Amino acid sequence: MRLHEIHYDDSKPIDGYGPGFFRIGGQVFDGAICAFSTGVVSWDGYGDMATILSKKDDIDVLFVGTGAEIAHIPADFRDPLEEAGIGVEVMASPAACRTYNVLLSEGRRVAVALMPV
């Protein structure tokens, strides 16, 4: 089996998560967050589209982590993002973290909005 080292350039992958927190680049963030290739910010949940839309020119796909289990997201959250040209993929937060890390390592223009587990 051949292993390949992953390089993230200046971006920081999600190192871990647990009840109510995420660890990114060795720093712990409590509560819901948005992670972009340029950094991490606190996120106020589905009512907070402004945080994501402010980076719309840098995002092709947004992964939405809905917590420990996959759940539907409100249409009034999804629709404005898609109208802005951002693809939205919904999954449980653990899967969203893993998927974000893989695409980030490929240099893709991705972001992730995460509800804590």
PDB file of N, CA and C in Angstrom:
ATOM      1  N   MET A   1       0.848  -1.170   0.000  1.00  0.00           N
ATOM      2  CA  MET A   1       0.000   0.000   0.000  1.00  0.00           C
ATOM      3  C   MET A   1       0.895   1.235   0.000  1.00  0.00           C
ATOM      4  N   ARG A   2       0.591   2.146  -0.862  1.00  0.00           N
ATOM      5  CA  ARG A   2       1.363   3.372  -0.972  1.00  0.00           C
ATOM      6  C   ARG A   2       0.569   4.508  -0.318  1.00  0.00           C
ATOM      7  N   LEU A   3       1.217   5.267   0.540  1.00  0.00           N
ATOM      8  CA  LEU A   3       0.587   6.409   1.189  1.00  0.00           C
ATOM      9  C   LEU A   3       1.140   7.688   0.592  1.00  0.00           C
ATOM     10  N   HIS A   4       0.279   8.656   0.447  1.00  0.00           N
ATOM     11  CA  HIS A   4       0.673   9.943  -0.104  1.00  0.00           C
ATOM     12  C   HIS A   4       0.420  11.028   0.939  1.00  0.00           C
ATOM     13  N   GLU A   5       1.380  11.899   1.115  1.00  0.00           N
ATOM     14  CA  GLU A   5       1.201  13.009   2.031  1.00  0.00           C
ATOM     15  C   GLU A   5       0.318  14.055   1.365  1.00  0.00           C
ATOM     16  N   ILE A   6      -0.616  14.588   2.140  1.00  0.00           N
ATOM     17  CA  ILE A   6      -1.528  15.605   1.621  1.00  0.00           C
ATOM     18  C   ILE A   6      -0.980  16.977   1.969  1.00  0.00           C
ATOM     19  N   HIS A   7      -1.016  17.884   0.996  1.00  0.00           N
ATOM     20  CA  HIS A   7      -0.565  19.253   1.199  1.00  0.00           C
ATOM     21  C   HIS A   7      -1.764  20.187   1.059  1.00  0.00           C
ATOM     22  N   TYR A   8      -1.874  21.117   1.981  1.00  0.00           N
ATOM     23  CA  TYR A   8      -3.001  22.043   1.965  1.00  0.00           C
ATOM     24  C   TYR A   8      -2.598  23.463   1.620  1.00  0.00           C
ATOM     25  N   ASP A   9      -1.367  23.693   1.173  1.00  0.00           N
ATOM     26  CA  ASP A   9      -0.877  25.045   0.896  1.00  0.00           C
ATOM     27  C   ASP A   9      -1.097  25.911   2.141  1.00  0.00           C
ATOM     28  N   ASP A  10      -1.779  27.047   2.001  1.00  0.00           N
ATOM     29  CA  ASP A  10      -2.011  27.925   3.150  1.00  0.00           C
ATOM     30  C   ASP A  10      -3.335  27.643   3.851  1.00  0.00           C
ATOM     31  N   SER A  11      -4.150  26.759   3.297  1.00  0.00           N
ATOM     32  CA  SER A  11      -5.448  26.427   3.887  1.00  0.00           C
ATOM     33  C   SER A  11      -5.260  25.479   5.061  1.00  0.00           C
ATOM     34  N   LYS A  12      -6.229  25.494   5.976  1.00  0.00           N
ATOM     35  CA  LYS A  12      -6.155  24.630   7.148  1.00  0.00           C
ATOM     36  C   LYS A  12      -7.300  23.617   7.114  1.00  0.00           C
ATOM     37  N   PRO A  13      -6.982  22.326   7.187  1.00  0.00           N
ATOM     38  CA  PRO A  13      -8.031  21.309   7.210  1.00  0.00           C
ATOM     39  C   PRO A  13      -8.673  21.222   8.594  1.00  0.00           C
ATOM     40  N   ILE A  14      -9.785  20.540   8.642  1.00  0.00           N
ATOM     41  CA  ILE A  14     -10.451  20.293   9.918  1.00  0.00           C
ATOM     42  C   ILE A  14      -9.740  19.114  10.566  1.00  0.00           C
ATOM     43  N   ASP A  15      -9.127  19.373  11.734  1.00  0.00           N
ATOM     44  CA  ASP A  15      -8.347  18.353  12.440  1.00  0.00           C
ATOM     45  C   ASP A  15      -9.223  17.402  13.235  1.00  0.00           C
ATOM     46  N   GLY A  16     -10.341  17.888  13.743  1.00  0.00           N
ATOM     47  CA  GLY A  16     -11.195  17.046  14.576  1.00  0.00           C
ATOM     48  C   GLY A  16     -12.452  17.779  14.983  1.00  0.00           C
ATOM     49  N   TYR A  17     -13.332  17.042  15.651  1.00  0.00           N
ATOM     50  CA  TYR A  17     -14.590  17.602  16.132  1.00  0.00           C
ATOM     51  C   TYR A  17     -15.058  16.755  17.297  1.00  0.00           C
ATOM     52  N   GLY A  18     -15.932  17.305  18.084  1.00  0.00           N
ATOM     53  CA  GLY A  18     -16.510  16.601  19.216  1.00  0.00           C
ATOM     54  C   GLY A  18     -17.776  17.313  19.632  1.00  0.00           C
ATOM     55  N   PRO A  19     -18.336  16.915  20.760  1.00  0.00           N
ATOM     56  CA  PRO A  19     -19.590  17.536  21.200  1.00  0.00           C
ATOM     57  C   PRO A  19     -19.454  19.050  21.370  1.00  0.00           C
ATOM     58  N   GLY A  20     -20.008  19.796  20.430  1.00  0.00           N
ATOM     59  CA  GLY A  20     -20.044  21.244  20.518  1.00  0.00           C
ATOM     60  C   GLY A  20     -18.826  21.987  20.013  1.00  0.00           C
ATOM     61  N   PHE A  21     -17.832  21.304  19.432  1.00  0.00           N
ATOM     62  CA  PHE A  21     -16.636  22.015  18.979  1.00  0.00           C
ATOM     63  C   PHE A  21     -16.052  21.418  17.710  1.00  0.00           C
ATOM     64  N   PHE A  22     -15.187  22.225  17.061  1.00  0.00           N
ATOM     65  CA  PHE A  22     -14.400  21.797  15.902  1.00  0.00           C
ATOM     66  C   PHE A  22     -12.970  22.255  16.145  1.00  0.00           C
ATOM     67  N   ARG A  23     -11.997  21.474  15.703  1.00  0.00           N
ATOM     68  CA  ARG A  23     -10.586  21.856  15.816  1.00  0.00           C
ATOM     69  C   ARG A  23     -10.022  22.004  14.410  1.00  0.00           C
ATOM     70  N   ILE A  24      -9.520  23.204  14.123  1.00  0.00           N
ATOM     71  CA  ILE A  24      -8.992  23.521  12.798  1.00  0.00           C
ATOM     72  C   ILE A  24      -7.644  24.201  12.980  1.00  0.00           C
ATOM     73  N   GLY A  25      -6.631  23.628  12.353  1.00  0.00           N
ATOM     74  CA  GLY A  25      -5.290  24.193  12.478  1.00  0.00           C
ATOM     75  C   GLY A  25      -4.813  24.255  13.912  1.00  0.00           C
ATOM     76  N   GLY A  26      -5.262  23.303  14.735  1.00  0.00           N
ATOM     77  CA  GLY A  26      -4.864  23.253  16.133  1.00  0.00           C
ATOM     78  C   GLY A  26      -5.656  24.175  17.039  1.00  0.00           C
ATOM     79  N   GLN A  27      -6.546  24.981  16.485  1.00  0.00           N
ATOM     80  CA  GLN A  27      -7.356  25.902  17.280  1.00  0.00           C
ATOM     81  C   GLN A  27      -8.766  25.339  17.440  1.00  0.00           C
ATOM     82  N   VAL A  28      -9.323  25.454  18.636  1.00  0.00           N
ATOM     83  CA  VAL A  28     -10.662  24.946  18.921  1.00  0.00           C
ATOM     84  C   VAL A  28     -11.684  26.064  18.742  1.00  0.00           C
ATOM     85  N   PHE A  29     -12.771  25.737  18.024  1.00  0.00           N
ATOM     86  CA  PHE A  29     -13.873  26.663  17.794  1.00  0.00           C
ATOM     87  C   PHE A  29     -15.131  26.039  18.377  1.00  0.00           C
ATOM     88  N   ASP A  30     -15.799  26.751  19.264  1.00  0.00           N
ATOM     89  CA  ASP A  30     -17.035  26.252  19.868  1.00  0.00           C
ATOM     90  C   ASP A  30     -18.235  26.657  19.028  1.00  0.00           C
ATOM     91  N   GLY A  31     -19.211  25.772  18.942  1.00  0.00           N
ATOM     92  CA  GLY A  31     -20.446  26.076  18.242  1.00  0.00           C
ATOM     93  C   GLY A  31     -20.337  25.922  16.743  1.00  0.00           C
ATOM     94  N   ALA A  32     -21.329  26.457  16.054  1.00  0.00           N
ATOM     95  CA  ALA A  32     -21.395  26.364  14.592  1.00  0.00           C
ATOM     96  C   ALA A  32     -20.342  27.272  13.959  1.00  0.00           C
ATOM     97  N   ILE A  33     -19.763  26.795  12.849  1.00  0.00           N
ATOM     98  CA  ILE A  33     -18.712  27.551  12.157  1.00  0.00           C
ATOM     99  C   ILE A  33     -18.877  27.457  10.649  1.00  0.00           C
ATOM    100  N   CYS A  34     -18.227  28.374   9.960  1.00  0.00           N
ATOM    101  CA  CYS A  34     -18.010  28.281   8.516  1.00  0.00           C
ATOM    102  C   CYS A  34     -16.505  28.271   8.308  1.00  0.00           C
ATOM    103  N   ALA A  35     -16.045  27.327   7.516  1.00  0.00           N
ATOM    104  CA  ALA A  35     -14.621  27.258   7.181  1.00  0.00           C
ATOM    105  C   ALA A  35     -14.468  27.492   5.691  1.00  0.00           C
ATOM    106  N   PHE A  36     -13.552  28.388   5.371  1.00  0.00           N
ATOM    107  CA  PHE A  36     -13.221  28.729   3.998  1.00  0.00           C
ATOM    108  C   PHE A  36     -11.732  28.467   3.816  1.00  0.00           C
ATOM    109  N   SER A  37     -11.263  28.460   2.604  1.00  0.00           N
ATOM    110  CA  SER A  37      -9.833  28.262   2.389  1.00  0.00           C
ATOM    111  C   SER A  37      -9.021  29.395   3.022  1.00  0.00           C
ATOM    112  N   THR A  38      -9.679  30.524   3.273  1.00  0.00           N
ATOM    113  CA  THR A  38      -8.996  31.689   3.834  1.00  0.00           C
ATOM    114  C   THR A  38      -9.106  31.798   5.351  1.00  0.00           C
ATOM    115  N   GLY A  39      -9.912  30.948   5.982  1.00  0.00           N
ATOM    116  CA  GLY A  39     -10.042  31.013   7.430  1.00  0.00           C
ATOM    117  C   GLY A  39     -11.369  30.498   7.933  1.00  0.00           C
ATOM    118  N   VAL A  40     -11.563  30.628   9.231  1.00  0.00           N
ATOM    119  CA  VAL A  40     -12.743  30.105   9.913  1.00  0.00           C
ATOM    120  C   VAL A  40     -13.444  31.242  10.643  1.00  0.00           C
ATOM    121  N   VAL A  41     -14.778  31.252  10.580  1.00  0.00           N
ATOM    122  CA  VAL A  41     -15.572  32.246  11.295  1.00  0.00           C
ATOM    123  C   VAL A  41     -16.722  31.556  12.008  1.00  0.00           C
ATOM    124  N   SER A  42     -17.202  32.200  13.044  1.00  0.00           N
ATOM    125  CA  SER A  42     -18.393  31.731  13.748  1.00  0.00           C
ATOM    126  C   SER A  42     -19.588  31.866  12.804  1.00  0.00           C
ATOM    127  N   TRP A  43     -20.550  30.963  12.933  1.00  0.00           N
ATOM    128  CA  TRP A  43     -21.726  30.972  12.054  1.00  0.00           C
ATOM    129  C   TRP A  43     -22.971  30.898  12.913  1.00  0.00           C
ATOM    130  N   ASP A  44     -23.964  31.710  12.605  1.00  0.00           N
ATOM    131  CA  ASP A  44     -25.199  31.765  13.385  1.00  0.00           C
ATOM    132  C   ASP A  44     -26.287  30.826  12.874  1.00  0.00           C
ATOM    133  N   GLY A  45     -25.942  29.860  12.055  1.00  0.00           N
ATOM    134  CA  GLY A  45     -26.906  28.879  11.583  1.00  0.00           C
ATOM    135  C   GLY A  45     -27.602  29.296  10.300  1.00  0.00           C
ATOM    136  N   TYR A  46     -28.708  28.628  10.020  1.00  0.00           N
ATOM    137  CA  TYR A  46     -29.383  28.775   8.731  1.00  0.00           C
ATOM    138  C   TYR A  46     -29.899  30.177   8.450  1.00  0.00           C
ATOM    139  N   GLY A  47     -30.063  31.002   9.459  1.00  0.00           N
ATOM    140  CA  GLY A  47     -30.491  32.382   9.241  1.00  0.00           C
ATOM    141  C   GLY A  47     -29.349  33.291   8.819  1.00  0.00           C
ATOM    142  N   ASP A  48     -28.134  32.776   8.868  1.00  0.00           N
ATOM    143  CA  ASP A  48     -26.935  33.577   8.581  1.00  0.00           C
ATOM    144  C   ASP A  48     -26.365  33.212   7.212  1.00  0.00           C
ATOM    145  N   MET A  49     -26.962  33.774   6.167  1.00  0.00           N
ATOM    146  CA  MET A  49     -26.445  33.559   4.815  1.00  0.00           C
ATOM    147  C   MET A  49     -25.377  34.573   4.458  1.00  0.00           C
ATOM    148  N   ALA A  50     -25.385  35.716   5.147  1.00  0.00           N
ATOM    149  CA  ALA A  50     -24.451  36.795   4.816  1.00  0.00           C
ATOM    150  C   ALA A  50     -23.005  36.346   4.960  1.00  0.00           C
ATOM    151  N   THR A  51     -22.715  35.548   5.972  1.00  0.00           N
ATOM    152  CA  THR A  51     -21.346  35.056   6.175  1.00  0.00           C
ATOM    153  C   THR A  51     -20.858  34.289   4.958  1.00  0.00           C
ATOM    154  N   ILE A  52     -21.721  33.457   4.412  1.00  0.00           N
ATOM    155  CA  ILE A  52     -21.345  32.637   3.255  1.00  0.00           C
ATOM    156  C   ILE A  52     -21.362  33.462   1.974  1.00  0.00           C
ATOM    157  N   LEU A  53     -22.400  34.258   1.797  1.00  0.00           N
ATOM    158  CA  LEU A  53     -22.513  35.050   0.571  1.00  0.00           C
ATOM    159  C   LEU A  53     -21.386  36.070   0.441  1.00  0.00           C
ATOM    160  N   SER A  54     -20.793  36.481   1.556  1.00  0.00           N
ATOM    161  CA  SER A  54     -19.677  37.429   1.480  1.00  0.00           C
ATOM    162  C   SER A  54     -18.456  36.814   0.803  1.00  0.00           C
ATOM    163  N   LYS A  55     -18.408  35.491   0.710  1.00  0.00           N
ATOM    164  CA  LYS A  55     -17.288  34.780   0.077  1.00  0.00           C
ATOM    165  C   LYS A  55     -17.697  34.097  -1.224  1.00  0.00           C
ATOM    166  N   LYS A  56     -18.866  34.447  -1.764  1.00  0.00           N
ATOM    167  CA  LYS A  56     -19.427  33.717  -2.906  1.00  0.00           C
ATOM    168  C   LYS A  56     -18.504  33.636  -4.112  1.00  0.00           C
ATOM    169  N   ASP A  57     -17.652  34.626  -4.311  1.00  0.00           N
ATOM    170  CA  ASP A  57     -16.755  34.606  -5.462  1.00  0.00           C
ATOM    171  C   ASP A  57     -15.609  33.611  -5.300  1.00  0.00           C
ATOM    172  N   ASP A  58     -15.453  33.066  -4.104  1.00  0.00           N
ATOM    173  CA  ASP A  58     -14.379  32.114  -3.823  1.00  0.00           C
ATOM    174  C   ASP A  58     -14.881  30.696  -3.598  1.00  0.00           C
ATOM    175  N   ILE A  59     -16.201  30.462  -3.779  1.00  0.00           N
ATOM    176  CA  ILE A  59     -16.798  29.159  -3.459  1.00  0.00           C
ATOM    177  C   ILE A  59     -17.536  28.597  -4.661  1.00  0.00           C
ATOM    178  N   ASP A  60     -17.210  27.364  -5.017  1.00  0.00           N
ATOM    179  CA  ASP A  60     -17.991  26.642  -6.014  1.00  0.00           C
ATOM    180  C   ASP A  60     -19.007  25.727  -5.330  1.00  0.00           C
ATOM    181  N   VAL A  61     -18.584  25.100  -4.236  1.00  0.00           N
ATOM    182  CA  VAL A  61     -19.440  24.155  -3.513  1.00  0.00           C
ATOM    183  C   VAL A  61     -19.358  24.433  -2.020  1.00  0.00           C
ATOM    184  N   LEU A  62     -20.524  24.464  -1.381  1.00  0.00           N
ATOM    185  CA  LEU A  62     -20.628  24.586   0.067  1.00  0.00           C
ATOM    186  C   LEU A  62     -21.164  23.275   0.611  1.00  0.00           C
ATOM    187  N   PHE A  63     -20.427  22.682   1.536  1.00  0.00           N
ATOM    188  CA  PHE A  63     -20.913  21.502   2.243  1.00  0.00           C
ATOM    189  C   PHE A  63     -21.575  21.991   3.522  1.00  0.00           C
ATOM    190  N   VAL A  64     -22.793  21.546   3.760  1.00  0.00           N
ATOM    191  CA  VAL A  64     -23.517  21.922   4.969  1.00  0.00           C
ATOM    192  C   VAL A  64     -23.592  20.702   5.866  1.00  0.00           C
ATOM    193  N   GLY A  65     -22.930  20.789   7.004  1.00  0.00           N
ATOM    194  CA  GLY A  65     -22.974  19.718   7.998  1.00  0.00           C
ATOM    195  C   GLY A  65     -24.096  20.005   8.966  1.00  0.00           C
ATOM    196  N   THR A  66     -25.071  19.106   9.028  1.00  0.00           N
ATOM    197  CA  THR A  66     -26.290  19.342   9.805  1.00  0.00           C
ATOM    198  C   THR A  66     -26.220  18.787  11.223  1.00  0.00           C
ATOM    199  N   GLY A  67     -25.036  18.440  11.700  1.00  0.00           N
ATOM    200  CA  GLY A  67     -24.895  17.882  13.040  1.00  0.00           C
ATOM    201  C   GLY A  67     -24.559  16.404  12.961  1.00  0.00           C
ATOM    202  N   ALA A  68     -24.913  15.668  13.993  1.00  0.00           N
ATOM    203  CA  ALA A  68     -24.577  14.245  14.070  1.00  0.00           C
ATOM    204  C   ALA A  68     -25.293  13.418  13.001  1.00  0.00           C
ATOM    205  N   GLU A  69     -26.459  13.859  12.595  1.00  0.00           N
ATOM    206  CA  GLU A  69     -27.268  13.145  11.596  1.00  0.00           C
ATOM    207  C   GLU A  69     -27.583  14.079  10.438  1.00  0.00           C
ATOM    208  N   ILE A  70     -27.775  13.491   9.270  1.00  0.00           N
ATOM    209  CA  ILE A  70     -28.179  14.296   8.116  1.00  0.00           C
ATOM    210  C   ILE A  70     -29.626  14.757   8.315  1.00  0.00           C
ATOM    211  N   ALA A  71     -29.888  15.990   7.920  1.00  0.00           N
ATOM    212  CA  ALA A  71     -31.225  16.566   8.052  1.00  0.00           C
ATOM    213  C   ALA A  71     -31.458  17.514   6.884  1.00  0.00           C
ATOM    214  N   HIS A  72     -32.720  17.800   6.624  1.00  0.00           N
ATOM    215  CA  HIS A  72     -33.057  18.768   5.579  1.00  0.00           C
ATOM    216  C   HIS A  72     -32.672  20.167   6.044  1.00  0.00           C
ATOM    217  N   ILE A  73     -32.295  21.003   5.092  1.00  0.00           N
ATOM    218  CA  ILE A  73     -32.027  22.405   5.413  1.00  0.00           C
ATOM    219  C   ILE A  73     -33.170  23.240   4.845  1.00  0.00           C
ATOM    220  N   PRO A  74     -33.426  24.399   5.435  1.00  0.00           N
ATOM    221  CA  PRO A  74     -34.530  25.232   4.962  1.00  0.00           C
ATOM    222  C   PRO A  74     -34.295  25.727   3.532  1.00  0.00           C
ATOM    223  N   ALA A  75     -35.363  25.752   2.758  1.00  0.00           N
ATOM    224  CA  ALA A  75     -35.275  26.250   1.382  1.00  0.00           C
ATOM    225  C   ALA A  75     -34.848  27.709   1.354  1.00  0.00           C
ATOM    226  N   ASP A  76     -35.268  28.498   2.349  1.00  0.00           N
ATOM    227  CA  ASP A  76     -34.881  29.910   2.352  1.00  0.00           C
ATOM    228  C   ASP A  76     -33.405  30.104   2.713  1.00  0.00           C
ATOM    229  N   PHE A  77     -32.708  29.033   3.066  1.00  0.00           N
ATOM    230  CA  PHE A  77     -31.256  29.062   3.217  1.00  0.00           C
ATOM    231  C   PHE A  77     -30.588  28.598   1.923  1.00  0.00           C
ATOM    232  N   ARG A  78     -31.062  27.498   1.374  1.00  0.00           N
ATOM    233  CA  ARG A  78     -30.467  26.910   0.170  1.00  0.00           C
ATOM    234  C   ARG A  78     -30.666  27.775  -1.077  1.00  0.00           C
ATOM    235  N   ASP A  79     -31.862  28.256  -1.291  1.00  0.00           N
ATOM    236  CA  ASP A  79     -32.199  28.950  -2.538  1.00  0.00           C
ATOM    237  C   ASP A  79     -31.323  30.177  -2.826  1.00  0.00           C
ATOM    238  N   PRO A  80     -31.122  31.092  -1.872  1.00  0.00           N
ATOM    239  CA  PRO A  80     -30.269  32.253  -2.170  1.00  0.00           C
ATOM    240  C   PRO A  80     -28.814  31.862  -2.474  1.00  0.00           C
ATOM    241  N   LEU A  81     -28.333  30.804  -1.845  1.00  0.00           N
ATOM    242  CA  LEU A  81     -26.970  30.357  -2.115  1.00  0.00           C
ATOM    243  C   LEU A  81     -26.855  29.822  -3.537  1.00  0.00           C
ATOM    244  N   GLU A  82     -27.820  29.005  -3.938  1.00  0.00           N
ATOM    245  CA  GLU A  82     -27.799  28.464  -5.298  1.00  0.00           C
ATOM    246  C   GLU A  82     -27.994  29.576  -6.331  1.00  0.00           C
ATOM    247  N   GLU A  83     -28.830  30.564  -6.016  1.00  0.00           N
ATOM    248  CA  GLU A  83     -29.014  31.698  -6.928  1.00  0.00           C
ATOM    249  C   GLU A  83     -27.721  32.500  -7.087  1.00  0.00           C
ATOM    250  N   ALA A  84     -26.872  32.475  -6.060  1.00  0.00           N
ATOM    251  CA  ALA A  84     -25.582  33.172  -6.107  1.00  0.00           C
ATOM    252  C   ALA A  84     -24.511  32.336  -6.817  1.00  0.00           C
ATOM    253  N   GLY A  85     -24.892  31.138  -7.278  1.00  0.00           N
ATOM    254  CA  GLY A  85     -23.957  30.299  -8.014  1.00  0.00           C
ATOM    255  C   GLY A  85     -23.158  29.340  -7.152  1.00  0.00           C
ATOM    256  N   ILE A  86     -23.583  29.148  -5.915  1.00  0.00           N
ATOM    257  CA  ILE A  86     -22.902  28.231  -5.001  1.00  0.00           C
ATOM    258  C   ILE A  86     -23.670  26.912  -4.965  1.00  0.00           C
ATOM    259  N   GLY A  87     -22.990  25.822  -5.289  1.00  0.00           N
ATOM    260  CA  GLY A  87     -23.598  24.507  -5.154  1.00  0.00           C
ATOM    261  C   GLY A  87     -23.684  24.155  -3.684  1.00  0.00           C
ATOM    262  N   VAL A  88     -24.781  23.543  -3.260  1.00  0.00           N
ATOM    263  CA  VAL A  88     -24.997  23.207  -1.854  1.00  0.00           C
ATOM    264  C   VAL A  88     -25.166  21.696  -1.723  1.00  0.00           C
ATOM    265  N   GLU A  89     -24.332  21.084  -0.893  1.00  0.00           N
ATOM    266  CA  GLU A  89     -24.408  19.649  -0.617  1.00  0.00           C
ATOM    267  C   GLU A  89     -24.622  19.456   0.881  1.00  0.00           C
ATOM    268  N   VAL A  90     -25.671  18.739   1.238  1.00  0.00           N
ATOM    269  CA  VAL A  90     -26.033  18.550   2.641  1.00  0.00           C
ATOM    270  C   VAL A  90     -25.638  17.151   3.094  1.00  0.00           C
ATOM    271  N   MET A  91     -25.030  17.082   4.276  1.00  0.00           N
ATOM    272  CA  MET A  91     -24.639  15.801   4.866  1.00  0.00           C
ATOM    273  C   MET A  91     -24.458  15.999   6.360  1.00  0.00           C
ATOM    274  N   ALA A  92     -24.269  14.912   7.081  1.00  0.00           N
ATOM    275  CA  ALA A  92     -23.959  15.009   8.504  1.00  0.00           C
ATOM    276  C   ALA A  92     -22.606  15.703   8.653  1.00  0.00           C
ATOM    277  N   SER A  93     -22.396  16.387   9.774  1.00  0.00           N
ATOM    278  CA  SER A  93     -21.163  17.157   9.971  1.00  0.00           C
ATOM    279  C   SER A  93     -19.888  16.321   9.862  1.00  0.00           C
ATOM    280  N   PRO A  94     -19.823  15.095  10.416  1.00  0.00           N
ATOM    281  CA  PRO A  94     -18.590  14.315  10.244  1.00  0.00           C
ATOM    282  C   PRO A  94     -18.240  14.057   8.772  1.00  0.00           C
ATOM    283  N   ALA A  95     -19.241  13.727   7.970  1.00  0.00           N
ATOM    284  CA  ALA A  95     -19.006  13.501   6.535  1.00  0.00           C
ATOM    285  C   ALA A  95     -18.626  14.808   5.837  1.00  0.00           C
ATOM    286  N   ALA A  96     -19.235  15.913   6.234  1.00  0.00           N
ATOM    287  CA  ALA A  96     -18.912  17.214   5.637  1.00  0.00           C
ATOM    288  C   ALA A  96     -17.471  17.595   5.936  1.00  0.00           C
ATOM    289  N   CYS A  97     -16.998  17.316   7.151  1.00  0.00           N
ATOM    290  CA  CYS A  97     -15.597  17.606   7.509  1.00  0.00           C
ATOM    291  C   CYS A  97     -14.645  16.812   6.622  1.00  0.00           C
ATOM    292  N   ARG A  98     -14.899  15.525   6.474  1.00  0.00           N
ATOM    293  CA  ARG A  98     -14.019  14.672   5.660  1.00  0.00           C
ATOM    294  C   ARG A  98     -14.024  15.105   4.199  1.00  0.00           C
ATOM    295  N   THR A  99     -15.197  15.362   3.658  1.00  0.00           N
ATOM    296  CA  THR A  99     -15.314  15.745   2.254  1.00  0.00           C
ATOM    297  C   THR A  99     -14.639  17.092   2.000  1.00  0.00           C
ATOM    298  N   TYR A 100     -14.839  18.027   2.908  1.00  0.00           N
ATOM    299  CA  TYR A 100     -14.191  19.340   2.804  1.00  0.00           C
ATOM    300  C   TYR A 100     -12.674  19.175   2.771  1.00  0.00           C
ATOM    301  N   ASN A 101     -12.126  18.366   3.657  1.00  0.00           N
ATOM    302  CA  ASN A 101     -10.677  18.174   3.719  1.00  0.00           C
ATOM    303  C   ASN A 101     -10.124  17.604   2.417  1.00  0.00           C
ATOM    304  N   VAL A 102     -10.811  16.620   1.855  1.00  0.00           N
ATOM    305  CA  VAL A 102     -10.331  16.000   0.615  1.00  0.00           C
ATOM    306  C   VAL A 102     -10.328  17.017  -0.521  1.00  0.00           C
ATOM    307  N   LEU A 103     -11.432  17.723  -0.709  1.00  0.00           N
ATOM    308  CA  LEU A 103     -11.488  18.691  -1.800  1.00  0.00           C
ATOM    309  C   LEU A 103     -10.564  19.886  -1.561  1.00  0.00           C
ATOM    310  N   LEU A 104     -10.395  20.275  -0.306  1.00  0.00           N
ATOM    311  CA  LEU A 104      -9.457  21.349   0.018  1.00  0.00           C
ATOM    312  C   LEU A 104      -8.036  20.947  -0.355  1.00  0.00           C
ATOM    313  N   SER A 105      -7.682  19.685  -0.112  1.00  0.00           N
ATOM    314  CA  SER A 105      -6.330  19.212  -0.449  1.00  0.00           C
ATOM    315  C   SER A 105      -6.096  19.191  -1.956  1.00  0.00           C
ATOM    316  N   GLU A 106      -7.172  19.126  -2.728  1.00  0.00           N
ATOM    317  CA  GLU A 106      -7.071  19.155  -4.191  1.00  0.00           C
ATOM    318  C   GLU A 106      -7.041  20.577  -4.730  1.00  0.00           C
ATOM    319  N   GLY A 107      -7.109  21.555  -3.842  1.00  0.00           N
ATOM    320  CA  GLY A 107      -7.097  22.947  -4.274  1.00  0.00           C
ATOM    321  C   GLY A 107      -8.426  23.444  -4.792  1.00  0.00           C
ATOM    322  N   ARG A 108      -9.492  22.724  -4.491  1.00  0.00           N
ATOM    323  CA  ARG A 108     -10.819  23.112  -4.972  1.00  0.00           C
ATOM    324  C   ARG A 108     -11.357  24.307  -4.197  1.00  0.00           C
ATOM    325  N   ARG A 109     -12.292  25.020  -4.798  1.00  0.00           N
ATOM    326  CA  ARG A 109     -12.903  26.197  -4.180  1.00  0.00           C
ATOM    327  C   ARG A 109     -14.122  25.773  -3.371  1.00  0.00           C
ATOM    328  N   VAL A 110     -13.856  25.274  -2.163  1.00  0.00           N
ATOM    329  CA  VAL A 110     -14.916  24.733  -1.317  1.00  0.00           C
ATOM    330  C   VAL A 110     -14.991  25.500   0.000  1.00  0.00           C
ATOM    331  N   ALA A 111     -16.146  25.362   0.641  1.00  0.00           N
ATOM    332  CA  ALA A 111     -16.369  25.904   1.981  1.00  0.00           C
ATOM    333  C   ALA A 111     -17.266  24.906   2.705  1.00  0.00           C
ATOM    334  N   VAL A 112     -17.318  25.043   4.023  1.00  0.00           N
ATOM    335  CA  VAL A 112     -18.168  24.169   4.798  1.00  0.00           C
ATOM    336  C   VAL A 112     -18.837  24.985   5.906  1.00  0.00           C
ATOM    337  N   ALA A 113     -20.142  24.773   6.073  1.00  0.00           N
ATOM    338  CA  ALA A 113     -20.911  25.371   7.161  1.00  0.00           C
ATOM    339  C   ALA A 113     -21.320  24.219   8.066  1.00  0.00           C
ATOM    340  N   LEU A 114     -20.898  24.272   9.325  1.00  0.00           N
ATOM    341  CA  LEU A 114     -21.049  23.112  10.205  1.00  0.00           C
ATOM    342  C   LEU A 114     -21.841  23.416  11.463  1.00  0.00           C
ATOM    343  N   MET A 115     -22.840  22.594  11.705  1.00  0.00           N
ATOM    344  CA  MET A 115     -23.519  22.574  12.989  1.00  0.00           C
ATOM    345  C   MET A 115     -22.773  21.550  13.844  1.00  0.00           C
ATOM    346  N   PRO A 116     -22.592  21.813  15.126  1.00  0.00           N
ATOM    347  CA  PRO A 116     -21.822  20.872  15.955  1.00  0.00           C
ATOM    348  C   PRO A 116     -22.541  19.540  16.136  1.00  0.00           C
ATOM    349  N   VAL A 117     -21.745  18.517  16.416  1.00  0.00           N
ATOM    350  CA  VAL A 117     -22.294  17.180  16.684  1.00  0.00           C
ATOM    351  C   VAL A 117     -22.671  17.065  18.134  1.00  0.00           C
TER     352      VAL A 117
END
